[in-house]
Amino acid sequence: VVLSKENPETSFEMTGCGFVITGEAVREASMGDAILEVDVMVDGRLLETVKMPTQWLVRRLEAAWNYDLSEGSHTISLKAQNIPEGYRIHVGDVVLYSTIDPGKRVYF
């Protein structure tokens, strides 16, 4: 999923007690570095406003996480704040945690 000026929001449903969302802020080669902001919402409430730098030395590779949700169904939303043209946030994987049903275990 890509968050940008044209597509500033995404959301998903989850069941569990925690999550980690990977991602990174990127820019077109001709653009300077910037710090992009994303509101992370859990069940309609603001969890935090994440600052995601495009500069690789200080970048953030986990867009958001929370390990302290009540076990159950939740809606997670990411809402980009004023992303300029030429910048975007790539949302990667989501890791879910549950105390009841950890799901299929995959080991590498």
PDB file of N, CA and C in Angstrom:
ATOM      1  N   VAL A   1       0.851  -1.173   0.000  1.00  0.00           N
ATOM      2  CA  VAL A   1       0.000   0.000   0.000  1.00  0.00           C
ATOM      3  C   VAL A   1       0.897   1.235   0.000  1.00  0.00           C
ATOM      4  N   VAL A   2       0.521   2.225  -0.768  1.00  0.00           N
ATOM      5  CA  VAL A   2       1.279   3.474  -0.834  1.00  0.00           C
ATOM      6  C   VAL A   2       0.386   4.623  -0.386  1.00  0.00           C
ATOM      7  N   LEU A   3       0.842   5.385   0.603  1.00  0.00           N
ATOM      8  CA  LEU A   3       0.149   6.600   1.019  1.00  0.00           C
ATOM      9  C   LEU A   3       0.809   7.772   0.309  1.00  0.00           C
ATOM     10  N   SER A   4      -0.017   8.618  -0.295  1.00  0.00           N
ATOM     11  CA  SER A   4       0.502   9.760  -1.046  1.00  0.00           C
ATOM     12  C   SER A   4      -0.528  10.878  -1.007  1.00  0.00           C
ATOM     13  N   LYS A   5      -0.233  11.954  -1.714  1.00  0.00           N
ATOM     14  CA  LYS A   5      -1.179  13.063  -1.811  1.00  0.00           C
ATOM     15  C   LYS A   5      -2.494  12.584  -2.421  1.00  0.00           C
ATOM     16  N   GLU A   6      -2.401  11.678  -3.410  1.00  0.00           N
ATOM     17  CA  GLU A   6      -3.594  11.168  -4.095  1.00  0.00           C
ATOM     18  C   GLU A   6      -4.305  10.081  -3.292  1.00  0.00           C
ATOM     19  N   ASN A   7      -3.595   9.359  -2.448  1.00  0.00           N
ATOM     20  CA  ASN A   7      -4.155   8.256  -1.671  1.00  0.00           C
ATOM     21  C   ASN A   7      -3.681   8.390  -0.217  1.00  0.00           C
ATOM     22  N   PRO A   8      -4.294   9.304   0.552  1.00  0.00           N
ATOM     23  CA  PRO A   8      -3.751   9.629   1.865  1.00  0.00           C
ATOM     24  C   PRO A   8      -4.162   8.700   3.012  1.00  0.00           C
ATOM     25  N   GLU A   9      -4.976   7.681   2.746  1.00  0.00           N
ATOM     26  CA  GLU A   9      -5.492   6.890   3.864  1.00  0.00           C
ATOM     27  C   GLU A   9      -5.645   5.419   3.498  1.00  0.00           C
ATOM     28  N   THR A  10      -5.414   4.562   4.486  1.00  0.00           N
ATOM     29  CA  THR A  10      -5.679   3.133   4.347  1.00  0.00           C
ATOM     30  C   THR A  10      -6.077   2.600   5.715  1.00  0.00           C
ATOM     31  N   SER A  11      -6.799   1.497   5.726  1.00  0.00           N
ATOM     32  CA  SER A  11      -7.178   0.882   6.995  1.00  0.00           C
ATOM     33  C   SER A  11      -7.351  -0.618   6.801  1.00  0.00           C
ATOM     34  N   PHE A  12      -7.331  -1.341   7.902  1.00  0.00           N
ATOM     35  CA  PHE A  12      -7.551  -2.782   7.865  1.00  0.00           C
ATOM     36  C   PHE A  12      -8.139  -3.237   9.194  1.00  0.00           C
ATOM     37  N   GLU A  13      -8.794  -4.376   9.143  1.00  0.00           N
ATOM     38  CA  GLU A  13      -9.371  -5.003  10.327  1.00  0.00           C
ATOM     39  C   GLU A  13      -8.390  -6.054  10.832  1.00  0.00           C
ATOM     40  N   MET A  14      -8.330  -6.212  12.138  1.00  0.00           N
ATOM     41  CA  MET A  14      -7.474  -7.242  12.722  1.00  0.00           C
ATOM     42  C   MET A  14      -8.143  -7.835  13.947  1.00  0.00           C
ATOM     43  N   THR A  15      -7.740  -9.032  14.285  1.00  0.00           N
ATOM     44  CA  THR A  15      -8.169  -9.658  15.525  1.00  0.00           C
ATOM     45  C   THR A  15      -6.919 -10.046  16.285  1.00  0.00           C
ATOM     46  N   GLY A  16      -6.801  -9.575  17.506  1.00  0.00           N
ATOM     47  CA  GLY A  16      -5.624  -9.866  18.309  1.00  0.00           C
ATOM     48  C   GLY A  16      -5.433  -8.821  19.383  1.00  0.00           C
ATOM     49  N   CYS A  17      -4.198  -8.769  19.922  1.00  0.00           N
ATOM     50  CA  CYS A  17      -3.906  -7.836  21.012  1.00  0.00           C
ATOM     51  C   CYS A  17      -2.716  -6.922  20.705  1.00  0.00           C
ATOM     52  N   GLY A  18      -2.178  -7.028  19.486  1.00  0.00           N
ATOM     53  CA  GLY A  18      -1.058  -6.172  19.133  1.00  0.00           C
ATOM     54  C   GLY A  18      -0.724  -6.256  17.660  1.00  0.00           C
ATOM     55  N   PHE A  19       0.078  -5.286  17.200  1.00  0.00           N
ATOM     56  CA  PHE A  19       0.465  -5.248  15.789  1.00  0.00           C
ATOM     57  C   PHE A  19       1.757  -4.464  15.612  1.00  0.00           C
ATOM     58  N   VAL A  20       2.422  -4.743  14.504  1.00  0.00           N
ATOM     59  CA  VAL A  20       3.551  -3.946  14.019  1.00  0.00           C
ATOM     60  C   VAL A  20       3.317  -3.743  12.533  1.00  0.00           C
ATOM     61  N   ILE A  21       3.421  -2.502  12.058  1.00  0.00           N
ATOM     62  CA  ILE A  21       3.277  -2.185  10.634  1.00  0.00           C
ATOM     63  C   ILE A  21       4.630  -1.686  10.147  1.00  0.00           C
ATOM     64  N   THR A  22       5.194  -2.371   9.153  1.00  0.00           N
ATOM     65  CA  THR A  22       6.460  -1.913   8.587  1.00  0.00           C
ATOM     66  C   THR A  22       6.180  -0.905   7.476  1.00  0.00           C
ATOM     67  N   GLY A  23       7.163  -0.086   7.174  1.00  0.00           N
ATOM     68  CA  GLY A  23       6.990   0.897   6.109  1.00  0.00           C
ATOM     69  C   GLY A  23       8.154   1.863   6.082  1.00  0.00           C
ATOM     70  N   GLU A  24       8.145   2.707   5.075  1.00  0.00           N
ATOM     71  CA  GLU A  24       9.205   3.705   4.952  1.00  0.00           C
ATOM     72  C   GLU A  24       8.710   4.902   4.158  1.00  0.00           C
ATOM     73  N   ALA A  25       9.285   6.057   4.461  1.00  0.00           N
ATOM     74  CA  ALA A  25       9.008   7.274   3.704  1.00  0.00           C
ATOM     75  C   ALA A  25      10.013   7.353   2.562  1.00  0.00           C
ATOM     76  N   VAL A  26       9.531   7.662   1.366  1.00  0.00           N
ATOM     77  CA  VAL A  26      10.413   7.764   0.198  1.00  0.00           C
ATOM     78  C   VAL A  26      10.119   9.055  -0.562  1.00  0.00           C
ATOM     79  N   ARG A  27      11.074   9.438  -1.408  1.00  0.00           N
ATOM     80  CA  ARG A  27      10.933  10.657  -2.206  1.00  0.00           C
ATOM     81  C   ARG A  27      11.429  10.378  -3.609  1.00  0.00           C
ATOM     82  N   GLU A  28      10.983  11.183  -4.548  1.00  0.00           N
ATOM     83  CA  GLU A  28      11.544  11.112  -5.892  1.00  0.00           C
ATOM     84  C   GLU A  28      12.980  11.624  -5.830  1.00  0.00           C
ATOM     85  N   ALA A  29      13.830  11.125  -6.726  1.00  0.00           N
ATOM     86  CA  ALA A  29      15.259  11.447  -6.694  1.00  0.00           C
ATOM     87  C   ALA A  29      15.538  12.948  -6.748  1.00  0.00           C
ATOM     88  N   SER A  30      14.690  13.702  -7.421  1.00  0.00           N
ATOM     89  CA  SER A  30      14.928  15.140  -7.573  1.00  0.00           C
ATOM     90  C   SER A  30      14.480  15.955  -6.360  1.00  0.00           C
ATOM     91  N   MET A  31      13.835  15.320  -5.404  1.00  0.00           N
ATOM     92  CA  MET A  31      13.292  16.028  -4.245  1.00  0.00           C
ATOM     93  C   MET A  31      14.283  15.977  -3.087  1.00  0.00           C
ATOM     94  N   GLY A  32      14.214  16.974  -2.222  1.00  0.00           N
ATOM     95  CA  GLY A  32      15.043  16.979  -1.018  1.00  0.00           C
ATOM     96  C   GLY A  32      14.430  16.112   0.069  1.00  0.00           C
ATOM     97  N   ASP A  33      15.207  15.854   1.113  1.00  0.00           N
ATOM     98  CA  ASP A  33      14.690  15.066   2.224  1.00  0.00           C
ATOM     99  C   ASP A  33      13.617  15.836   2.969  1.00  0.00           C
ATOM    100  N   ALA A  34      12.694  15.089   3.558  1.00  0.00           N
ATOM    101  CA  ALA A  34      11.596  15.687   4.308  1.00  0.00           C
ATOM    102  C   ALA A  34      11.176  14.723   5.408  1.00  0.00           C
ATOM    103  N   ILE A  35      10.381  15.216   6.329  1.00  0.00           N
ATOM    104  CA  ILE A  35       9.795  14.375   7.366  1.00  0.00           C
ATOM    105  C   ILE A  35       8.296  14.346   7.116  1.00  0.00           C
ATOM    106  N   LEU A  36       7.772  13.161   6.810  1.00  0.00           N
ATOM    107  CA  LEU A  36       6.352  12.982   6.539  1.00  0.00           C
ATOM    108  C   LEU A  36       5.650  12.556   7.824  1.00  0.00           C
ATOM    109  N   GLU A  37       4.377  12.928   7.951  1.00  0.00           N
ATOM    110  CA  GLU A  37       3.625  12.593   9.157  1.00  0.00           C
ATOM    111  C   GLU A  37       2.408  11.755   8.819  1.00  0.00           C
ATOM    112  N   VAL A  38       2.150  10.763   9.686  1.00  0.00           N
ATOM    113  CA  VAL A  38       1.007   9.871   9.514  1.00  0.00           C
ATOM    114  C   VAL A  38       0.310   9.717  10.859  1.00  0.00           C
ATOM    115  N   ASP A  39      -1.006   9.921  10.878  1.00  0.00           N
ATOM    116  CA  ASP A  39      -1.795   9.642  12.073  1.00  0.00           C
ATOM    117  C   ASP A  39      -2.132   8.163  12.093  1.00  0.00           C
ATOM    118  N   VAL A  40      -1.857   7.508  13.216  1.00  0.00           N
ATOM    119  CA  VAL A  40      -2.197   6.099  13.398  1.00  0.00           C
ATOM    120  C   VAL A  40      -3.415   6.052  14.311  1.00  0.00           C
ATOM    121  N   MET A  41      -4.501   5.500  13.789  1.00  0.00           N
ATOM    122  CA  MET A  41      -5.760   5.427  14.520  1.00  0.00           C
ATOM    123  C   MET A  41      -6.068   3.969  14.853  1.00  0.00           C
ATOM    124  N   VAL A  42      -6.517   3.729  16.076  1.00  0.00           N
ATOM    125  CA  VAL A  42      -6.977   2.404  16.483  1.00  0.00           C
ATOM    126  C   VAL A  42      -8.414   2.562  16.951  1.00  0.00           C
ATOM    127  N   ASP A  43      -9.322   1.897  16.265  1.00  0.00           N
ATOM    128  CA  ASP A  43     -10.751   1.961  16.587  1.00  0.00           C
ATOM    129  C   ASP A  43     -11.262   3.405  16.633  1.00  0.00           C
ATOM    130  N   GLY A  44     -10.781   4.227  15.703  1.00  0.00           N
ATOM    131  CA  GLY A  44     -11.245   5.601  15.585  1.00  0.00           C
ATOM    132  C   GLY A  44     -10.575   6.589  16.522  1.00  0.00           C
ATOM    133  N   ARG A  45      -9.659   6.121  17.363  1.00  0.00           N
ATOM    134  CA  ARG A  45      -8.961   7.015  18.294  1.00  0.00           C
ATOM    135  C   ARG A  45      -7.499   7.153  17.878  1.00  0.00           C
ATOM    136  N   LEU A  46      -6.978   8.355  18.005  1.00  0.00           N
ATOM    137  CA  LEU A  46      -5.590   8.625  17.630  1.00  0.00           C
ATOM    138  C   LEU A  46      -4.640   7.923  18.599  1.00  0.00           C
ATOM    139  N   LEU A  47      -3.819   7.027  18.071  1.00  0.00           N
ATOM    140  CA  LEU A  47      -2.790   6.358  18.870  1.00  0.00           C
ATOM    141  C   LEU A  47      -1.552   7.252  18.943  1.00  0.00           C
ATOM    142  N   GLU A  48      -1.103   7.739  17.777  1.00  0.00           N
ATOM    143  CA  GLU A  48       0.034   8.653  17.717  1.00  0.00           C
ATOM    144  C   GLU A  48       0.139   9.255  16.322  1.00  0.00           C
ATOM    145  N   THR A  49       0.865  10.357  16.234  1.00  0.00           N
ATOM    146  CA  THR A  49       1.244  10.921  14.947  1.00  0.00           C
ATOM    147  C   THR A  49       2.705  10.567  14.737  1.00  0.00           C
ATOM    148  N   VAL A  50       2.958   9.749  13.717  1.00  0.00           N
ATOM    149  CA  VAL A  50       4.287   9.213  13.446  1.00  0.00           C
ATOM    150  C   VAL A  50       5.031  10.153  12.504  1.00  0.00           C
ATOM    151  N   LYS A  51       6.261  10.458  12.835  1.00  0.00           N
ATOM    152  CA  LYS A  51       7.128  11.246  11.950  1.00  0.00           C
ATOM    153  C   LYS A  51       8.045  10.267  11.224  1.00  0.00           C
ATOM    154  N   MET A  52       8.003  10.288   9.879  1.00  0.00           N
ATOM    155  CA  MET A  52       8.773   9.357   9.062  1.00  0.00           C
ATOM    156  C   MET A  52       9.710  10.129   8.139  1.00  0.00           C
ATOM    157  N   PRO A  53      10.993  10.225   8.491  1.00  0.00           N
ATOM    158  CA  PRO A  53      11.965  10.925   7.646  1.00  0.00           C
ATOM    159  C   PRO A  53      12.296  10.135   6.378  1.00  0.00           C
ATOM    160  N   THR A  54      12.573  10.847   5.297  1.00  0.00           N
ATOM    161  CA  THR A  54      13.031  10.194   4.071  1.00  0.00           C
ATOM    162  C   THR A  54      14.541   9.982   4.094  1.00  0.00           C
ATOM    163  N   GLN A  55      15.252  10.705   4.935  1.00  0.00           N
ATOM    164  CA  GLN A  55      16.711  10.579   5.004  1.00  0.00           C
ATOM    165  C   GLN A  55      17.082   9.207   5.559  1.00  0.00           C
ATOM    166  N   TRP A  56      17.890   8.456   4.830  1.00  0.00           N
ATOM    167  CA  TRP A  56      18.144   7.064   5.178  1.00  0.00           C
ATOM    168  C   TRP A  56      18.890   6.884   6.493  1.00  0.00           C
ATOM    169  N   LEU A  57      19.659   7.850   6.936  1.00  0.00           N
ATOM    170  CA  LEU A  57      20.387   7.706   8.199  1.00  0.00           C
ATOM    171  C   LEU A  57      19.481   7.754   9.425  1.00  0.00           C
ATOM    172  N   VAL A  58      18.349   8.413   9.308  1.00  0.00           N
ATOM    173  CA  VAL A  58      17.441   8.555  10.456  1.00  0.00           C
ATOM    174  C   VAL A  58      16.045   8.016  10.158  1.00  0.00           C
ATOM    175  N   ARG A  59      15.922   7.237   9.105  1.00  0.00           N
ATOM    176  CA  ARG A  59      14.608   6.734   8.699  1.00  0.00           C
ATOM    177  C   ARG A  59      14.011   5.818   9.759  1.00  0.00           C
ATOM    178  N   ARG A  60      12.733   5.631   9.620  1.00  0.00           N
ATOM    179  CA  ARG A  60      11.972   4.772  10.517  1.00  0.00           C
ATOM    180  C   ARG A  60      11.411   3.643   9.668  1.00  0.00           C
ATOM    181  N   LEU A  61      11.726   2.385  10.006  1.00  0.00           N
ATOM    182  CA  LEU A  61      11.292   1.245   9.200  1.00  0.00           C
ATOM    183  C   LEU A  61      10.044   0.563   9.751  1.00  0.00           C
ATOM    184  N   GLU A  62       9.661   0.874  10.968  1.00  0.00           N
ATOM    185  CA  GLU A  62       8.383   0.416  11.506  1.00  0.00           C
ATOM    186  C   GLU A  62       7.491   1.650  11.599  1.00  0.00           C
ATOM    187  N   ALA A  63       6.441   1.658  10.803  1.00  0.00           N
ATOM    188  CA  ALA A  63       5.563   2.828  10.772  1.00  0.00           C
ATOM    189  C   ALA A  63       4.803   2.984  12.080  1.00  0.00           C
ATOM    190  N   ALA A  64       4.378   1.865  12.662  1.00  0.00           N
ATOM    191  CA  ALA A  64       3.602   1.940  13.894  1.00  0.00           C
ATOM    192  C   ALA A  64       3.592   0.586  14.580  1.00  0.00           C
ATOM    193  N   TRP A  65       3.366   0.615  15.892  1.00  0.00           N
ATOM    194  CA  TRP A  65       3.222  -0.627  16.637  1.00  0.00           C
ATOM    195  C   TRP A  65       2.464  -0.353  17.919  1.00  0.00           C
ATOM    196  N   ASN A  66       1.826  -1.383  18.417  1.00  0.00           N
ATOM    197  CA  ASN A  66       1.151  -1.342  19.710  1.00  0.00           C
ATOM    198  C   ASN A  66       0.995  -2.780  20.166  1.00  0.00           C
ATOM    199  N   TYR A  67       1.483  -3.072  21.365  1.00  0.00           N
ATOM    200  CA  TYR A  67       1.404  -4.428  21.904  1.00  0.00           C
ATOM    201  C   TYR A  67       0.426  -4.510  23.064  1.00  0.00           C
ATOM    202  N   ASP A  68      -0.335  -3.460  23.288  1.00  0.00           N
ATOM    203  CA  ASP A  68      -1.149  -3.378  24.498  1.00  0.00           C
ATOM    204  C   ASP A  68      -2.628  -3.164  24.202  1.00  0.00           C
ATOM    205  N   LEU A  69      -3.140  -3.771  23.140  1.00  0.00           N
ATOM    206  CA  LEU A  69      -4.567  -3.679  22.847  1.00  0.00           C
ATOM    207  C   LEU A  69      -5.309  -4.765  23.615  1.00  0.00           C
ATOM    208  N   SER A  70      -6.583  -4.545  23.875  1.00  0.00           N
ATOM    209  CA  SER A  70      -7.392  -5.623  24.442  1.00  0.00           C
ATOM    210  C   SER A  70      -7.587  -6.680  23.361  1.00  0.00           C
ATOM    211  N   GLU A  71      -7.562  -7.935  23.748  1.00  0.00           N
ATOM    212  CA  GLU A  71      -7.752  -9.026  22.785  1.00  0.00           C
ATOM    213  C   GLU A  71      -9.126  -8.874  22.139  1.00  0.00           C
ATOM    214  N   GLY A  72      -9.169  -8.897  20.808  1.00  0.00           N
ATOM    215  CA  GLY A  72     -10.437  -8.770  20.096  1.00  0.00           C
ATOM    216  C   GLY A  72     -10.253  -8.152  18.726  1.00  0.00           C
ATOM    217  N   SER A  73     -11.360  -7.711  18.147  1.00  0.00           N
ATOM    218  CA  SER A  73     -11.350  -7.110  16.811  1.00  0.00           C
ATOM    219  C   SER A  73     -11.048  -5.622  16.906  1.00  0.00           C
ATOM    220  N   HIS A  74     -10.216  -5.144  15.989  1.00  0.00           N
ATOM    221  CA  HIS A  74      -9.833  -3.735  15.965  1.00  0.00           C
ATOM    222  C   HIS A  74      -9.718  -3.257  14.524  1.00  0.00           C
ATOM    223  N   THR A  75      -9.925  -1.961  14.324  1.00  0.00           N
ATOM    224  CA  THR A  75      -9.711  -1.326  13.030  1.00  0.00           C
ATOM    225  C   THR A  75      -8.508  -0.399  13.158  1.00  0.00           C
ATOM    226  N   ILE A  76      -7.511  -0.628  12.312  1.00  0.00           N
ATOM    227  CA  ILE A  76      -6.299   0.190  12.301  1.00  0.00           C
ATOM    228  C   ILE A  76      -6.334   1.058  11.050  1.00  0.00           C
ATOM    229  N   SER A  77      -6.155   2.366  11.213  1.00  0.00           N
ATOM    230  CA  SER A  77      -6.158   3.295  10.078  1.00  0.00           C
ATOM    231  C   SER A  77      -4.880   4.121  10.084  1.00  0.00           C
ATOM    232  N   LEU A  78      -4.355   4.363   8.897  1.00  0.00           N
ATOM    233  CA  LEU A  78      -3.216   5.259   8.706  1.00  0.00           C
ATOM    234  C   LEU A  78      -3.684   6.408   7.835  1.00  0.00           C
ATOM    235  N   LYS A  79      -3.506   7.641   8.317  1.00  0.00           N
ATOM    236  CA  LYS A  79      -3.935   8.830   7.581  1.00  0.00           C
ATOM    237  C   LYS A  79      -2.746   9.774   7.421  1.00  0.00           C
ATOM    238  N   ALA A  80      -2.265   9.910   6.197  1.00  0.00           N
ATOM    239  CA  ALA A  80      -1.135  10.788   5.913  1.00  0.00           C
ATOM    240  C   ALA A  80      -1.550  12.244   6.079  1.00  0.00           C
ATOM    241  N   GLN A  81      -0.654  13.045   6.628  1.00  0.00           N
ATOM    242  CA  GLN A  81      -0.911  14.462   6.848  1.00  0.00           C
ATOM    243  C   GLN A  81      -0.079  15.302   5.882  1.00  0.00           C
ATOM    244  N   ASN A  82      -0.732  15.934   4.937  1.00  0.00           N
ATOM    245  CA  ASN A  82      -0.078  16.901   4.044  1.00  0.00           C
ATOM    246  C   ASN A  82       1.184  16.374   3.365  1.00  0.00           C
ATOM    247  N   ILE A  83       1.079  15.248   2.689  1.00  0.00           N
ATOM    248  CA  ILE A  83       2.230  14.723   1.952  1.00  0.00           C
ATOM    249  C   ILE A  83       2.375  15.530   0.664  1.00  0.00           C
ATOM    250  N   PRO A  84       3.531  16.166   0.456  1.00  0.00           N
ATOM    251  CA  PRO A  84       3.731  16.945  -0.770  1.00  0.00           C
ATOM    252  C   PRO A  84       3.847  16.042  -1.998  1.00  0.00           C
ATOM    253  N   GLU A  85       3.625  16.622  -3.150  1.00  0.00           N
ATOM    254  CA  GLU A  85       3.811  15.904  -4.420  1.00  0.00           C
ATOM    255  C   GLU A  85       5.258  15.418  -4.502  1.00  0.00           C
ATOM    256  N   GLY A  86       5.458  14.193  -4.942  1.00  0.00           N
ATOM    257  CA  GLY A  86       6.798  13.639  -5.074  1.00  0.00           C
ATOM    258  C   GLY A  86       7.272  12.845  -3.865  1.00  0.00           C
ATOM    259  N   TYR A  87       6.462  12.787  -2.826  1.00  0.00           N
ATOM    260  CA  TYR A  87       6.791  12.028  -1.619  1.00  0.00           C
ATOM    261  C   TYR A  87       5.691  11.004  -1.384  1.00  0.00           C
ATOM    262  N   ARG A  88       6.048   9.905  -0.706  1.00  0.00           N
ATOM    263  CA  ARG A  88       5.044   8.890  -0.396  1.00  0.00           C
ATOM    264  C   ARG A  88       5.547   8.021   0.749  1.00  0.00           C
ATOM    265  N   ILE A  89       4.630   7.280   1.320  1.00  0.00           N
ATOM    266  CA  ILE A  89       4.958   6.320   2.367  1.00  0.00           C
ATOM    267  C   ILE A  89       4.562   4.946   1.868  1.00  0.00           C
ATOM    268  N   HIS A  90       5.535   4.052   1.817  1.00  0.00           N
ATOM    269  CA  HIS A  90       5.263   2.668   1.438  1.00  0.00           C
ATOM    270  C   HIS A  90       4.951   1.893   2.715  1.00  0.00           C
ATOM    271  N   VAL A  91       3.743   1.369   2.804  1.00  0.00           N
ATOM    272  CA  VAL A  91       3.350   0.539   3.937  1.00  0.00           C
ATOM    273  C   VAL A  91       3.633  -0.903   3.550  1.00  0.00           C
ATOM    274  N   GLY A  92       4.396  -1.603   4.380  1.00  0.00           N
ATOM    275  CA  GLY A  92       4.820  -2.963   4.056  1.00  0.00           C
ATOM    276  C   GLY A  92       3.979  -4.028   4.727  1.00  0.00           C
ATOM    277  N   ASP A  93       4.613  -4.809   5.565  1.00  0.00           N
ATOM    278  CA  ASP A  93       3.975  -5.946   6.217  1.00  0.00           C
ATOM    279  C   ASP A  93       3.286  -5.537   7.506  1.00  0.00           C
ATOM    280  N   VAL A  94       2.356  -6.389   7.938  1.00  0.00           N
ATOM    281  CA  VAL A  94       1.708  -6.233   9.232  1.00  0.00           C
ATOM    282  C   VAL A  94       1.919  -7.534   9.998  1.00  0.00           C
ATOM    283  N   VAL A  95       2.460  -7.415  11.198  1.00  0.00           N
ATOM    284  CA  VAL A  95       2.622  -8.564  12.084  1.00  0.00           C
ATOM    285  C   VAL A  95       1.567  -8.424  13.173  1.00  0.00           C
ATOM    286  N   LEU A  96       0.770  -9.476  13.371  1.00  0.00           N
ATOM    287  CA  LEU A  96      -0.295  -9.447  14.372  1.00  0.00           C
ATOM    288  C   LEU A  96       0.071 -10.329  15.556  1.00  0.00           C
ATOM    289  N   TYR A  97      -0.361  -9.916  16.743  1.00  0.00           N
ATOM    290  CA  TYR A  97      -0.128 -10.672  17.965  1.00  0.00           C
ATOM    291  C   TYR A  97      -1.467 -11.019  18.590  1.00  0.00           C
ATOM    292  N   SER A  98      -1.541 -12.213  19.191  1.00  0.00           N
ATOM    293  CA  SER A  98      -2.759 -12.652  19.857  1.00  0.00           C
ATOM    294  C   SER A  98      -2.389 -13.566  21.014  1.00  0.00           C
ATOM    295  N   THR A  99      -3.101 -13.436  22.124  1.00  0.00           N
ATOM    296  CA  THR A  99      -2.899 -14.341  23.254  1.00  0.00           C
ATOM    297  C   THR A  99      -3.779 -15.576  23.131  1.00  0.00           C
ATOM    298  N   ILE A 100      -4.739 -15.547  22.215  1.00  0.00           N
ATOM    299  CA  ILE A 100      -5.685 -16.653  22.050  1.00  0.00           C
ATOM    300  C   ILE A 100      -5.361 -17.494  20.823  1.00  0.00           C
ATOM    301  N   ASP A 101      -5.208 -16.855  19.666  1.00  0.00           N
ATOM    302  CA  ASP A 101      -4.988 -17.574  18.413  1.00  0.00           C
ATOM    303  C   ASP A 101      -3.808 -16.953  17.676  1.00  0.00           C
ATOM    304  N   PRO A 102      -2.608 -17.490  17.880  1.00  0.00           N
ATOM    305  CA  PRO A 102      -1.451 -16.897  17.211  1.00  0.00           C
ATOM    306  C   PRO A 102      -1.411 -17.156  15.711  1.00  0.00           C
ATOM    307  N   GLY A 103      -2.290 -17.999  15.191  1.00  0.00           N
ATOM    308  CA  GLY A 103      -2.316 -18.266  13.758  1.00  0.00           C
ATOM    309  C   GLY A 103      -1.241 -19.252  13.353  1.00  0.00           C
ATOM    310  N   LYS A 104      -1.059 -19.399  12.064  1.00  0.00           N
ATOM    311  CA  LYS A 104      -0.082 -20.331  11.525  1.00  0.00           C
ATOM    312  C   LYS A 104       1.327 -19.846  11.845  1.00  0.00           C
ATOM    313  N   ARG A 105       2.135 -20.726  12.350  1.00  0.00           N
ATOM    314  CA  ARG A 105       3.515 -20.374  12.678  1.00  0.00           C
ATOM    315  C   ARG A 105       4.402 -20.704  11.493  1.00  0.00           C
ATOM    316  N   VAL A 106       5.178 -19.738  11.082  1.00  0.00           N
ATOM    317  CA  VAL A 106       6.088 -19.906   9.955  1.00  0.00           C
ATOM    318  C   VAL A 106       7.495 -19.605  10.452  1.00  0.00           C
ATOM    319  N   TYR A 107       8.393 -20.527  10.207  1.00  0.00           N
ATOM    320  CA  TYR A 107       9.779 -20.354  10.630  1.00  0.00           C
ATOM    321  C   TYR A 107      10.685 -20.390   9.414  1.00  0.00           C
ATOM    322  N   PHE A 108      11.713 -19.560   9.394  1.00  0.00           N
ATOM    323  CA  PHE A 108      12.670 -19.531   8.288  1.00  0.00           C
ATOM    324  C   PHE A 108      14.030 -19.964   8.772  1.00  0.00           C
TER     325      PHE A 108
END
